[in-house]
Amino acid sequence: MDDMKVILGTNLSKYLKENNMTQNDLANHLNISHTAVNKWVKGYNYPDFAYLFQMCELFKVTLHDFFGIDIDNEFNEHEKRLIYSYRDKPNVREAIDVLLNINNEKK
C-alpha cells in the first residue's frame, strides 16, 4: 500500500464517522458495492475521480482534505464549513451579502 491510499482511507473513515455513516451507507449513496468502499477505507485501492468528487460534495470537504494535503492553513474547519454553506445555499449567500454590504453585480 502506498501512503496516499492509507491517508485517503484514514480520512474517509473519519468523514464517515463525522457524518454518522457506515461504509454500507456510502456504498448505497454512490450505487457501488460495499467491498469497493471497504478497499478504499483499508487503503488497498483509490476511488475513481467521479466518486471522489461525489464524496467531497457529500462530506463538504475538498480533494486536498481527502488526501491530507495542507495547501493553506488560512482557514480553520469552522471557516471552511461557512464557505461551503455560502457556496451551496443561496439564502445564506444572500443574507451574508446583505449583512456585509457586498454587491455581486459585475462592473
Protein backbone atom coordinates (compact mmCIF):
# COMPACT_ATOMS: atom_id res chain seq x y z
CA MET A 1 0.00 0.00 0.00
CA ASP A 2 1.26 3.46 -0.73
CA ASP A 3 0.98 6.28 1.77
CA MET A 4 -1.61 8.28 -0.17
CA LYS A 5 -4.01 5.33 -0.23
CA VAL A 6 -3.63 4.95 3.53
CA ILE A 7 -4.17 8.69 4.10
CA LEU A 8 -7.26 8.67 1.90
CA GLY A 9 -8.61 5.61 3.70
CA THR A 10 -7.99 7.12 7.13
CA ASN A 11 -9.69 10.36 6.13
CA LEU A 12 -12.61 8.56 4.53
CA SER A 13 -13.12 6.60 7.74
CA LYS A 14 -13.03 9.88 9.70
CA TYR A 15 -15.58 11.55 7.40
CA LEU A 16 -17.90 8.56 7.64
CA LYS A 17 -17.81 8.75 11.45
CA GLU A 18 -18.28 12.53 11.48
CA ASN A 19 -21.37 12.12 9.31
CA ASN A 20 -22.75 9.11 11.21
CA MET A 21 -22.50 6.97 8.08
CA THR A 22 -21.41 3.39 7.58
CA GLN A 23 -19.43 2.04 4.67
CA ASN A 24 -22.68 0.44 3.52
CA ASP A 25 -24.44 3.82 3.62
CA LEU A 26 -21.74 5.32 1.42
CA ALA A 27 -21.82 2.37 -0.97
CA ASN A 28 -25.59 2.76 -1.33
CA HIS A 29 -25.25 6.52 -1.83
CA LEU A 30 -22.67 6.00 -4.59
CA ASN A 31 -24.51 2.98 -6.01
CA ILE A 32 -21.44 0.74 -5.73
CA SER A 33 -20.50 -2.35 -3.76
CA HIS A 34 -19.66 -2.30 -0.07
CA THR A 35 -16.46 -4.16 -0.98
CA ALA A 36 -15.21 -1.22 -3.06
CA VAL A 37 -15.73 1.23 -0.18
CA ASN A 38 -14.07 -1.21 2.24
CA LYS A 39 -10.99 -1.40 -0.01
CA TRP A 40 -10.77 2.41 -0.05
CA VAL A 41 -11.03 2.61 3.75
CA LYS A 42 -8.35 -0.07 4.15
CA GLY A 43 -6.06 1.74 1.72
CA TYR A 44 -6.00 -1.02 -0.88
CA ASN A 45 -7.45 0.99 -3.79
CA TYR A 46 -8.21 4.54 -4.86
CA PRO A 47 -11.75 5.50 -5.81
CA ASP A 48 -12.36 6.82 -9.32
CA PHE A 49 -12.37 10.59 -9.58
CA ALA A 50 -16.12 10.67 -10.12
CA TYR A 51 -16.61 9.01 -6.73
CA LEU A 52 -14.05 11.27 -5.08
CA PHE A 53 -15.94 14.35 -6.26
CA GLN A 54 -19.26 12.91 -5.09
CA MET A 55 -17.75 12.17 -1.67
CA CYS A 56 -16.29 15.68 -1.46
CA GLU A 57 -19.77 17.10 -2.03
CA LEU A 58 -21.35 14.68 0.40
CA PHE A 59 -18.86 15.35 3.21
CA LYS A 60 -18.33 19.05 2.37
CA VAL A 61 -14.56 18.62 2.06
CA THR A 62 -12.01 19.23 -0.68
CA LEU A 63 -9.80 16.78 -2.53
CA HIS A 64 -6.93 18.31 -0.56
CA ASP A 65 -8.70 17.35 2.65
CA PHE A 66 -9.19 13.77 1.44
CA PHE A 67 -5.51 13.36 0.65
CA GLY A 68 -4.29 15.24 3.73
CA ILE A 69 -2.67 17.99 1.69
CA ASP A 70 -2.45 21.27 3.57
CA ILE A 71 -2.21 23.82 0.77
CA ASP A 72 -3.15 26.61 3.09
CA ASN A 73 -3.76 26.77 6.75
CA GLU A 74 -5.50 30.09 6.35
CA PHE A 75 -8.96 28.66 7.14
CA ASN A 76 -9.91 26.53 10.12
CA GLU A 77 -12.62 23.85 9.86
CA HIS A 78 -15.37 26.23 11.02
CA GLU A 79 -14.40 28.80 8.40
CA LYS A 80 -14.32 26.12 5.68
CA ARG A 81 -17.84 24.99 6.60
CA LEU A 82 -19.03 28.60 6.43
CA ILE A 83 -17.52 28.93 2.96
CA TYR A 84 -19.20 25.72 1.79
CA SER A 85 -22.54 26.92 3.19
CA TYR A 86 -22.08 30.23 1.41
CA ARG A 87 -21.42 28.44 -1.88
CA ASP A 88 -24.16 25.81 -1.54
CA LYS A 89 -27.06 27.75 -0.03
CA PRO A 90 -28.34 30.76 -1.97
CA ASN A 91 -30.31 32.08 1.02
CA VAL A 92 -27.19 32.04 3.21
CA ARG A 93 -25.19 33.74 0.45
CA GLU A 94 -27.84 36.44 0.03
CA ALA A 95 -28.06 37.08 3.78
CA ILE A 96 -24.29 37.35 4.15
CA ASP A 97 -24.03 39.61 1.11
CA VAL A 98 -26.65 41.93 2.62
CA LEU A 99 -25.05 41.79 6.07
CA LEU A 100 -21.61 42.63 4.70
CA ASN A 101 -22.94 45.05 2.09
CA ILE A 102 -21.40 43.05 -0.76
CA ASN A 103 -22.57 44.00 -4.22
CA ASN A 104 -22.48 40.98 -6.56
CA GLU A 105 -23.02 42.97 -9.75
CA LYS A 106 -20.15 42.76 -12.19
CA LYS A 107 -18.55 46.04 -13.10
